[in-house]
PDB file of N, CA and C in Angstrom:
ATOM      1  N   MET A   1     -16.148  36.528   9.012  1.00  0.00           N
ATOM      2  CA  MET A   1     -14.789  36.386   8.441  1.00  0.00           C
ATOM      3  C   MET A   1     -15.110  34.836   8.138  1.00  0.00           C
ATOM      4  N   GLU A   2     -14.483  34.535   7.233  1.00  0.00           N
ATOM      5  CA  GLU A   2     -14.653  33.765   6.023  1.00  0.00           C
ATOM      6  C   GLU A   2     -14.013  32.624   6.629  1.00  0.00           C
ATOM      7  N   ASP A   3     -13.924  31.245   6.690  1.00  0.00           N
ATOM      8  CA  ASP A   3     -13.425  29.896   6.893  1.00  0.00           C
ATOM      9  C   ASP A   3     -12.368  29.836   5.948  1.00  0.00           C
ATOM     10  N   LYS A   4     -10.682  30.030   5.666  1.00  0.00           N
ATOM     11  CA  LYS A   4      -9.434  29.365   4.741  1.00  0.00           C
ATOM     12  C   LYS A   4      -8.536  28.627   5.220  1.00  0.00           C
ATOM     13  N   LYS A   5      -9.455  27.313   3.542  1.00  0.00           N
ATOM     14  CA  LYS A   5      -8.648  26.117   3.769  1.00  0.00           C
ATOM     15  C   LYS A   5      -7.161  26.791   3.970  1.00  0.00           C
ATOM     16  N   CYS A   6      -6.720  25.534   4.377  1.00  0.00           N
ATOM     17  CA  CYS A   6      -4.935  25.567   4.662  1.00  0.00           C
ATOM     18  C   CYS A   6      -4.635  24.456   3.541  1.00  0.00           C
ATOM     19  N   ASN A   7      -3.425  24.539   2.350  1.00  0.00           N
ATOM     20  CA  ASN A   7      -3.542  23.993   1.853  1.00  0.00           C
ATOM     21  C   ASN A   7      -1.803  23.655   1.930  1.00  0.00           C
ATOM     22  N   GLU A   8      -2.034  23.513   3.252  1.00  0.00           N
ATOM     23  CA  GLU A   8      -0.579  22.856   4.156  1.00  0.00           C
ATOM     24  C   GLU A   8      -0.613  20.876   3.807  1.00  0.00           C
ATOM     25  N   VAL A   9       0.762  20.928   3.280  1.00  0.00           N
ATOM     26  CA  VAL A   9       1.651  19.265   3.108  1.00  0.00           C
ATOM     27  C   VAL A   9       1.407  18.903   5.154  1.00  0.00           C
ATOM     28  N   LYS A  10       0.924  18.192   5.558  1.00  0.00           N
ATOM     29  CA  LYS A  10       0.455  17.792   6.682  1.00  0.00           C
ATOM     30  C   LYS A  10       1.600  16.337   6.207  1.00  0.00           C
ATOM     31  N   ASP A  11       2.386  16.230   7.877  1.00  0.00           N
ATOM     32  CA  ASP A  11       3.346  14.685   7.912  1.00  0.00           C
ATOM     33  C   ASP A  11       2.648  13.647   7.903  1.00  0.00           C
ATOM     34  N   LYS A  12       3.260  13.046   7.020  1.00  0.00           N
ATOM     35  CA  LYS A  12       2.808  11.092   7.136  1.00  0.00           C
ATOM     36  C   LYS A  12       2.810  10.669   8.512  1.00  0.00           C
ATOM     37  N   LYS A  13       1.330   9.958   8.573  1.00  0.00           N
ATOM     38  CA  LYS A  13       1.454   9.501   9.916  1.00  0.00           C
ATOM     39  C   LYS A  13       2.591   7.704   9.905  1.00  0.00           C
ATOM     40  N   GLN A  14       3.383   8.217  11.681  1.00  0.00           N
ATOM     41  CA  GLN A  14       4.006   6.717  11.642  1.00  0.00           C
ATOM     42  C   GLN A  14       3.829   6.363  12.464  1.00  0.00           C
ATOM     43  N   GLU A  15       4.252   5.251  12.687  1.00  0.00           N
ATOM     44  CA  GLU A  15       4.095   4.749  14.796  1.00  0.00           C
ATOM     45  C   GLU A  15       5.644   3.898  13.936  1.00  0.00           C
ATOM     46  N   VAL A  16       5.499   3.443  15.671  1.00  0.00           N
ATOM     47  CA  VAL A  16       6.839   2.310  15.161  1.00  0.00           C
ATOM     48  C   VAL A  16       6.133   0.457  15.637  1.00  0.00           C
ATOM     49  N   ILE A  17       6.571   0.297  15.310  1.00  0.00           N
ATOM     50  CA  ILE A  17       6.778  -1.403  15.441  1.00  0.00           C
ATOM     51  C   ILE A  17       7.615  -2.751  15.062  1.00  0.00           C
ATOM     52  N   ASP A  18       7.701  -3.477  16.811  1.00  0.00           N
ATOM     53  CA  ASP A  18       8.528  -3.702  16.596  1.00  0.00           C
ATOM     54  C   ASP A  18      10.116  -3.486  16.119  1.00  0.00           C
ATOM     55  N   GLY A  19      10.876  -2.683  15.995  1.00  0.00           N
ATOM     56  CA  GLY A  19      11.525  -1.332  16.425  1.00  0.00           C
ATOM     57  C   GLY A  19      11.200  -0.864  14.312  1.00  0.00           C
ATOM     58  N   TYR A  20      10.510  -0.968  13.685  1.00  0.00           N
ATOM     59  CA  TYR A  20      10.226  -0.295  12.333  1.00  0.00           C
ATOM     60  C   TYR A  20       9.626   1.029  12.544  1.00  0.00           C
ATOM     61  N   THR A  21      10.202   1.697  11.992  1.00  0.00           N
ATOM     62  CA  THR A  21       9.559   2.865  11.514  1.00  0.00           C
ATOM     63  C   THR A  21       8.300   2.966   9.980  1.00  0.00           C
ATOM     64  N   ILE A  22       6.819   3.510  11.217  1.00  0.00           N
ATOM     65  CA  ILE A  22       6.233   2.437   9.065  1.00  0.00           C
ATOM     66  C   ILE A  22       5.902   4.011   9.068  1.00  0.00           C
ATOM     67  N   LYS A  23       6.097   5.015   7.649  1.00  0.00           N
ATOM     68  CA  LYS A  23       5.506   5.761   7.461  1.00  0.00           C
ATOM     69  C   LYS A  23       3.750   5.463   6.702  1.00  0.00           C
ATOM     70  N   TYR A  24       3.200   5.973   6.802  1.00  0.00           N
ATOM     71  CA  TYR A  24       2.014   6.120   5.685  1.00  0.00           C
ATOM     72  C   TYR A  24       2.091   6.970   4.668  1.00  0.00           C
ATOM     73  N   HIS A  25       1.147   6.508   3.611  1.00  0.00           N
ATOM     74  CA  HIS A  25       0.850   7.625   2.562  1.00  0.00           C
ATOM     75  C   HIS A  25      -0.872   8.872   2.833  1.00  0.00           C
ATOM     76  N   ALA A  26      -0.547   9.209   2.678  1.00  0.00           N
ATOM     77  CA  ALA A  26      -1.448  10.785   3.251  1.00  0.00           C
ATOM     78  C   ALA A  26      -3.168  10.435   3.205  1.00  0.00           C
ATOM     79  N   ASN A  27      -3.469   9.294   2.411  1.00  0.00           N
ATOM     80  CA  ASN A  27      -5.170   9.114   3.090  1.00  0.00           C
ATOM     81  C   ASN A  27      -4.850   7.447   4.883  1.00  0.00           C
ATOM     82  N   GLY A  28      -3.651   7.527   4.864  1.00  0.00           N
ATOM     83  CA  GLY A  28      -3.812   7.197   6.985  1.00  0.00           C
ATOM     84  C   GLY A  28      -3.893   5.490   6.515  1.00  0.00           C
ATOM     85  N   LYS A  29      -3.614   4.945   5.267  1.00  0.00           N
ATOM     86  CA  LYS A  29      -3.724   3.742   5.549  1.00  0.00           C
ATOM     87  C   LYS A  29      -3.264   2.683   5.484  1.00  0.00           C
ATOM     88  N   THR A  30      -2.714   2.774   3.803  1.00  0.00           N
ATOM     89  CA  THR A  30      -1.502   2.465   2.974  1.00  0.00           C
ATOM     90  C   THR A  30       0.103   2.543   3.408  1.00  0.00           C
ATOM     91  N   VAL A  31       1.218   1.868   3.369  1.00  0.00           N
ATOM     92  CA  VAL A  31       1.839   1.818   3.671  1.00  0.00           C
ATOM     93  C   VAL A  31       2.976   2.332   3.293  1.00  0.00           C
ATOM     94  N   TRP A  32       3.632   4.345   2.991  1.00  0.00           N
ATOM     95  CA  TRP A  32       4.912   4.592   2.433  1.00  0.00           C
ATOM     96  C   TRP A  32       5.670   4.198   2.975  1.00  0.00           C
ATOM     97  N   SER A  33       6.636   3.907   3.940  1.00  0.00           N
ATOM     98  CA  SER A  33       7.735   3.202   4.035  1.00  0.00           C
ATOM     99  C   SER A  33       8.167   2.805   4.910  1.00  0.00           C
ATOM    100  N   LYS A  34       9.249   1.803   5.158  1.00  0.00           N
ATOM    101  CA  LYS A  34       8.891   0.688   6.430  1.00  0.00           C
ATOM    102  C   LYS A  34      10.325   1.090   6.858  1.00  0.00           C
ATOM    103  N   GLY A  35      11.027   0.952   7.490  1.00  0.00           N
ATOM    104  CA  GLY A  35      12.690   0.954   7.895  1.00  0.00           C
ATOM    105  C   GLY A  35      13.450   0.488   9.109  1.00  0.00           C
ATOM    106  N   LYS A  36      14.299   0.799   9.745  1.00  0.00           N
ATOM    107  CA  LYS A  36      14.884   1.729  11.057  1.00  0.00           C
ATOM    108  C   LYS A  36      15.324   2.571  11.331  1.00  0.00           C
ATOM    109  N   MET A  37      15.813   3.128  12.162  1.00  0.00           N
ATOM    110  CA  MET A  37      16.402   4.220  12.516  1.00  0.00           C
ATOM    111  C   MET A  37      17.030   4.276  13.593  1.00  0.00           C
ATOM    112  N   SER A  38      17.419   4.734  13.555  1.00  0.00           N
ATOM    113  CA  SER A  38      19.088   4.772  14.874  1.00  0.00           C
ATOM    114  C   SER A  38      19.747   6.516  15.064  1.00  0.00           C
ATOM    115  N   GLU A  39      19.534   6.431  16.216  1.00  0.00           N
ATOM    116  CA  GLU A  39      19.312   8.299  16.459  1.00  0.00           C
ATOM    117  C   GLU A  39      19.171   9.240  15.584  1.00  0.00           C
ATOM    118  N   GLY A  40      17.553   8.751  15.519  1.00  0.00           N
ATOM    119  CA  GLY A  40      16.924   9.994  14.520  1.00  0.00           C
ATOM    120  C   GLY A  40      17.174   9.897  12.601  1.00  0.00           C
ATOM    121  N   LYS A  41      18.563   9.114  12.142  1.00  0.00           N
ATOM    122  CA  LYS A  41      18.157   8.854  11.415  1.00  0.00           C
ATOM    123  C   LYS A  41      18.219   7.323  10.442  1.00  0.00           C
ATOM    124  N   PRO A  42      17.519   6.946   9.058  1.00  0.00           N
ATOM    125  CA  PRO A  42      17.289   5.853   8.976  1.00  0.00           C
ATOM    126  C   PRO A  42      18.771   4.912   8.713  1.00  0.00           C
ATOM    127  N   ASP A  43      18.487   3.628   9.495  1.00  0.00           N
ATOM    128  CA  ASP A  43      20.107   2.828   9.414  1.00  0.00           C
ATOM    129  C   ASP A  43      19.543   2.003   8.772  1.00  0.00           C
ATOM    130  N   GLY A  44      20.152   1.079   8.214  1.00  0.00           N
ATOM    131  CA  GLY A  44      20.126  -0.570   7.483  1.00  0.00           C
ATOM    132  C   GLY A  44      18.814  -0.507   6.677  1.00  0.00           C
ATOM    133  N   TYR A  45      18.093  -2.192   6.352  1.00  0.00           N
ATOM    134  CA  TYR A  45      17.381  -2.163   4.796  1.00  0.00           C
ATOM    135  C   TYR A  45      15.908  -1.262   4.923  1.00  0.00           C
ATOM    136  N   TRP A  46      15.339  -0.266   4.031  1.00  0.00           N
ATOM    137  CA  TRP A  46      14.581   0.334   3.585  1.00  0.00           C
ATOM    138  C   TRP A  46      13.757  -0.142   2.551  1.00  0.00           C
ATOM    139  N   GLU A  47      12.070  -0.220   2.698  1.00  0.00           N
ATOM    140  CA  GLU A  47      10.630  -0.219   1.717  1.00  0.00           C
ATOM    141  C   GLU A  47      10.153   1.107   1.936  1.00  0.00           C
ATOM    142  N   TRP A  48       9.783   1.142   0.314  1.00  0.00           N
ATOM    143  CA  TRP A  48       9.399   1.942   0.039  1.00  0.00           C
ATOM    144  C   TRP A  48       7.883   1.518  -0.478  1.00  0.00           C
ATOM    145  N   TYR A  49       6.733   2.597  -0.583  1.00  0.00           N
ATOM    146  CA  TYR A  49       5.337   1.404  -1.644  1.00  0.00           C
ATOM    147  C   TYR A  49       4.407   2.742  -2.298  1.00  0.00           C
ATOM    148  N   ARG A  50       4.184   2.230  -2.638  1.00  0.00           N
ATOM    149  CA  ARG A  50       3.114   3.195  -3.735  1.00  0.00           C
ATOM    150  C   ARG A  50       1.610   3.109  -3.423  1.00  0.00           C
ATOM    151  N   ALA A  51       0.937   4.104  -3.369  1.00  0.00           N
ATOM    152  CA  ALA A  51      -0.861   4.123  -2.407  1.00  0.00           C
ATOM    153  C   ALA A  51      -1.042   3.017  -2.525  1.00  0.00           C
ATOM    154  N   ASP A  52      -1.207   1.763  -3.701  1.00  0.00           N
ATOM    155  CA  ASP A  52      -1.800   0.427  -3.836  1.00  0.00           C
ATOM    156  C   ASP A  52      -1.194  -0.724  -3.326  1.00  0.00           C
ATOM    157  N   GLY A  53       0.395  -0.185  -2.706  1.00  0.00           N
ATOM    158  CA  GLY A  53       0.327  -1.747  -1.823  1.00  0.00           C
ATOM    159  C   GLY A  53       1.707  -2.074  -2.691  1.00  0.00           C
ATOM    160  N   LYS A  54       2.305  -1.154  -4.428  1.00  0.00           N
ATOM    161  CA  LYS A  54       3.257  -2.670  -4.180  1.00  0.00           C
ATOM    162  C   LYS A  54       4.666  -1.842  -3.972  1.00  0.00           C
ATOM    163  N   ILE A  55       5.287  -2.565  -3.740  1.00  0.00           N
ATOM    164  CA  ILE A  55       6.639  -1.499  -3.892  1.00  0.00           C
ATOM    165  C   ILE A  55       7.380  -0.724  -4.768  1.00  0.00           C
ATOM    166  N   LYS A  56       8.260   0.165  -4.470  1.00  0.00           N
ATOM    167  CA  LYS A  56       8.721   1.375  -5.159  1.00  0.00           C
ATOM    168  C   LYS A  56      10.178   1.134  -5.564  1.00  0.00           C
ATOM    169  N   ARG A  57      10.153   1.170  -4.207  1.00  0.00           N
ATOM    170  CA  ARG A  57      12.228   0.488  -4.365  1.00  0.00           C
ATOM    171  C   ARG A  57      11.910   0.443  -2.935  1.00  0.00           C
ATOM    172  N   SER A  58      13.408  -0.251  -3.153  1.00  0.00           N
ATOM    173  CA  SER A  58      14.254  -0.323  -1.402  1.00  0.00           C
ATOM    174  C   SER A  58      16.107  -0.311  -1.604  1.00  0.00           C
ATOM    175  N   GLY A  59      16.323  -0.248  -0.389  1.00  0.00           N
ATOM    176  CA  GLY A  59      17.694   0.097  -0.516  1.00  0.00           C
ATOM    177  C   GLY A  59      18.856   0.005   0.922  1.00  0.00           C
ATOM    178  N   TYR A  60      19.509   0.113   1.610  1.00  0.00           N
ATOM    179  CA  TYR A  60      20.025  -0.061   2.164  1.00  0.00           C
ATOM    180  C   TYR A  60      20.950   1.436   2.880  1.00  0.00           C
ATOM    181  N   PHE A  61      20.879   2.220   4.741  1.00  0.00           N
ATOM    182  CA  PHE A  61      21.458   3.096   4.486  1.00  0.00           C
ATOM    183  C   PHE A  61      22.324   2.627   5.989  1.00  0.00           C
ATOM    184  N   GLU A  62      23.322   3.396   6.050  1.00  0.00           N
ATOM    185  CA  GLU A  62      24.616   3.520   6.764  1.00  0.00           C
ATOM    186  C   GLU A  62      24.118   4.992   7.662  1.00  0.00           C
ATOM    187  N   LYS A  63      23.904   4.841   8.828  1.00  0.00           N
ATOM    188  CA  LYS A  63      23.582   5.696   9.659  1.00  0.00           C
ATOM    189  C   LYS A  63      23.025   7.332   8.971  1.00  0.00           C
ATOM    190  N   GLY A  64      22.244   7.239   8.161  1.00  0.00           N
ATOM    191  CA  GLY A  64      21.072   8.532   7.159  1.00  0.00           C
ATOM    192  C   GLY A  64      21.733   8.118   5.698  1.00  0.00           C
ATOM    193  N   ASP A  65      23.341   7.659   5.634  1.00  0.00           N
ATOM    194  CA  ASP A  65      23.304   8.285   3.969  1.00  0.00           C
ATOM    195  C   ASP A  65      22.948   6.648   3.900  1.00  0.00           C
ATOM    196  N   PRO A  66      22.623   6.675   1.874  1.00  0.00           N
ATOM    197  CA  PRO A  66      22.431   5.335   1.399  1.00  0.00           C
ATOM    198  C   PRO A  66      23.432   4.595   0.951  1.00  0.00           C
ATOM    199  N   VAL A  67      23.413   3.480   0.702  1.00  0.00           N
ATOM    200  CA  VAL A  67      24.604   2.505   0.474  1.00  0.00           C
ATOM    201  C   VAL A  67      24.807   1.486  -0.327  1.00  0.00           C
ATOM    202  N   GLY A  68      25.259   0.654  -0.951  1.00  0.00           N
ATOM    203  CA  GLY A  68      25.195   0.137  -1.352  1.00  0.00           C
ATOM    204  C   GLY A  68      24.088  -0.411  -2.645  1.00  0.00           C
ATOM    205  N   GLU A  69      23.751  -1.562  -2.874  1.00  0.00           N
ATOM    206  CA  GLU A  69      22.556  -1.542  -4.142  1.00  0.00           C
ATOM    207  C   GLU A  69      21.163  -1.220  -3.298  1.00  0.00           C
ATOM    208  N   TRP A  70      20.493   0.376  -4.627  1.00  0.00           N
ATOM    209  CA  TRP A  70      19.213   0.630  -4.111  1.00  0.00           C
ATOM    210  C   TRP A  70      18.998   0.002  -5.682  1.00  0.00           C
ATOM    211  N   VAL A  71      17.356  -1.147  -5.991  1.00  0.00           N
ATOM    212  CA  VAL A  71      16.258  -0.862  -6.160  1.00  0.00           C
ATOM    213  C   VAL A  71      15.090  -0.831  -6.614  1.00  0.00           C
ATOM    214  N   THR A  72      15.272   0.071  -8.209  1.00  0.00           N
ATOM    215  CA  THR A  72      13.546   0.519  -8.210  1.00  0.00           C
ATOM    216  C   THR A  72      12.816  -0.719  -9.460  1.00  0.00           C
ATOM    217  N   TYR A  73      11.379  -0.358  -8.263  1.00  0.00           N
ATOM    218  CA  TYR A  73      10.110  -1.019  -8.903  1.00  0.00           C
ATOM    219  C   TYR A  73       9.647   0.123 -10.330  1.00  0.00           C
ATOM    220  N   ASP A  74       8.899  -1.253 -10.985  1.00  0.00           N
ATOM    221  CA  ASP A  74       8.011  -0.382 -11.722  1.00  0.00           C
ATOM    222  C   ASP A  74       6.928  -0.565 -11.368  1.00  0.00           C
ATOM    223  N   SER A  75       5.920  -0.047 -12.093  1.00  0.00           N
ATOM    224  CA  SER A  75       4.265   0.113 -11.450  1.00  0.00           C
ATOM    225  C   SER A  75       3.762  -1.979 -11.045  1.00  0.00           C
ATOM    226  N   LYS A  76       4.230  -2.877 -11.381  1.00  0.00           N
ATOM    227  CA  LYS A  76       3.481  -3.596 -10.920  1.00  0.00           C
ATOM    228  C   LYS A  76       4.411  -4.917  -9.920  1.00  0.00           C
ATOM    229  N   GLY A  77       6.168  -3.882  -9.788  1.00  0.00           N
ATOM    230  CA  GLY A  77       5.879  -4.670  -8.554  1.00  0.00           C
ATOM    231  C   GLY A  77       7.301  -5.333  -8.727  1.00  0.00           C
ATOM    232  N   ASP A  78       8.059  -5.411 -10.086  1.00  0.00           N
ATOM    233  CA  ASP A  78       8.762  -6.293 -10.497  1.00  0.00           C
ATOM    234  C   ASP A  78       9.906  -4.931 -10.987  1.00  0.00           C
ATOM    235  N   GLU A  79      11.205  -5.742 -10.454  1.00  0.00           N
ATOM    236  CA  GLU A  79      12.719  -5.308 -10.287  1.00  0.00           C
ATOM    237  C   GLU A  79      13.263  -4.240 -11.971  1.00  0.00           C
ATOM    238  N   TYR A  80      13.094  -2.869 -11.450  1.00  0.00           N
ATOM    239  CA  TYR A  80      13.070  -2.219 -12.749  1.00  0.00           C
ATOM    240  C   TYR A  80      14.512  -1.296 -12.902  1.00  0.00           C
ATOM    241  N   LYS A  81      14.915  -1.110 -12.267  1.00  0.00           N
ATOM    242  CA  LYS A  81      16.473  -0.542 -12.436  1.00  0.00           C
ATOM    243  C   LYS A  81      17.358  -1.111 -11.181  1.00  0.00           C
ATOM    244  N   THR A  82      18.643  -1.264 -11.382  1.00  0.00           N
ATOM    245  CA  THR A  82      19.527  -1.510  -9.723  1.00  0.00           C
ATOM    246  C   THR A  82      20.326   0.076 -10.407  1.00  0.00           C
ATOM    247  N   THR A  83      20.985   0.319  -8.806  1.00  0.00           N
ATOM    248  CA  THR A  83      22.144   1.559  -8.942  1.00  0.00           C
ATOM    249  C   THR A  83      22.840   1.003  -7.159  1.00  0.00           C
ATOM    250  N   ASN A  84      24.219   1.460  -8.046  1.00  0.00           N
ATOM    251  CA  ASN A  84      24.494   0.886  -6.484  1.00  0.00           C
ATOM    252  C   ASN A  84      25.926   2.494  -5.875  1.00  0.00           C
ATOM    253  N   ARG A  85      25.524   2.355  -4.637  1.00  0.00           N
ATOM    254  CA  ARG A  85      25.452   3.273  -3.479  1.00  0.00           C
ATOM    255  C   ARG A  85      26.390   3.530  -3.298  1.00  0.00           C
ATOM    256  N   GLY A  86      27.301   2.723  -3.424  1.00  0.00           N
ATOM    257  CA  GLY A  86      28.745   2.801  -3.363  1.00  0.00           C
ATOM    258  C   GLY A  86      29.554   1.785  -1.958  1.00  0.00           C
TER     259      GLY A  86
END
């Protein structure tokens, strides 16, 4: 019987610290996203990060829906683009 490697996408490692849900990149070490959840949906301010730890995107959710100003950052972590989500 031969072993077959499975190419399934693994769920990101996550934990809750001081009310913030923190998800990690596949390496399990660097933060992928951070924010609060309410009733199973993102709520309030959230941030996403690149594997090198630099911020990639930030914005607000209201009961799971993106609202207000969302900022995308370049690979250096500098503001690149701002989008208004209503």
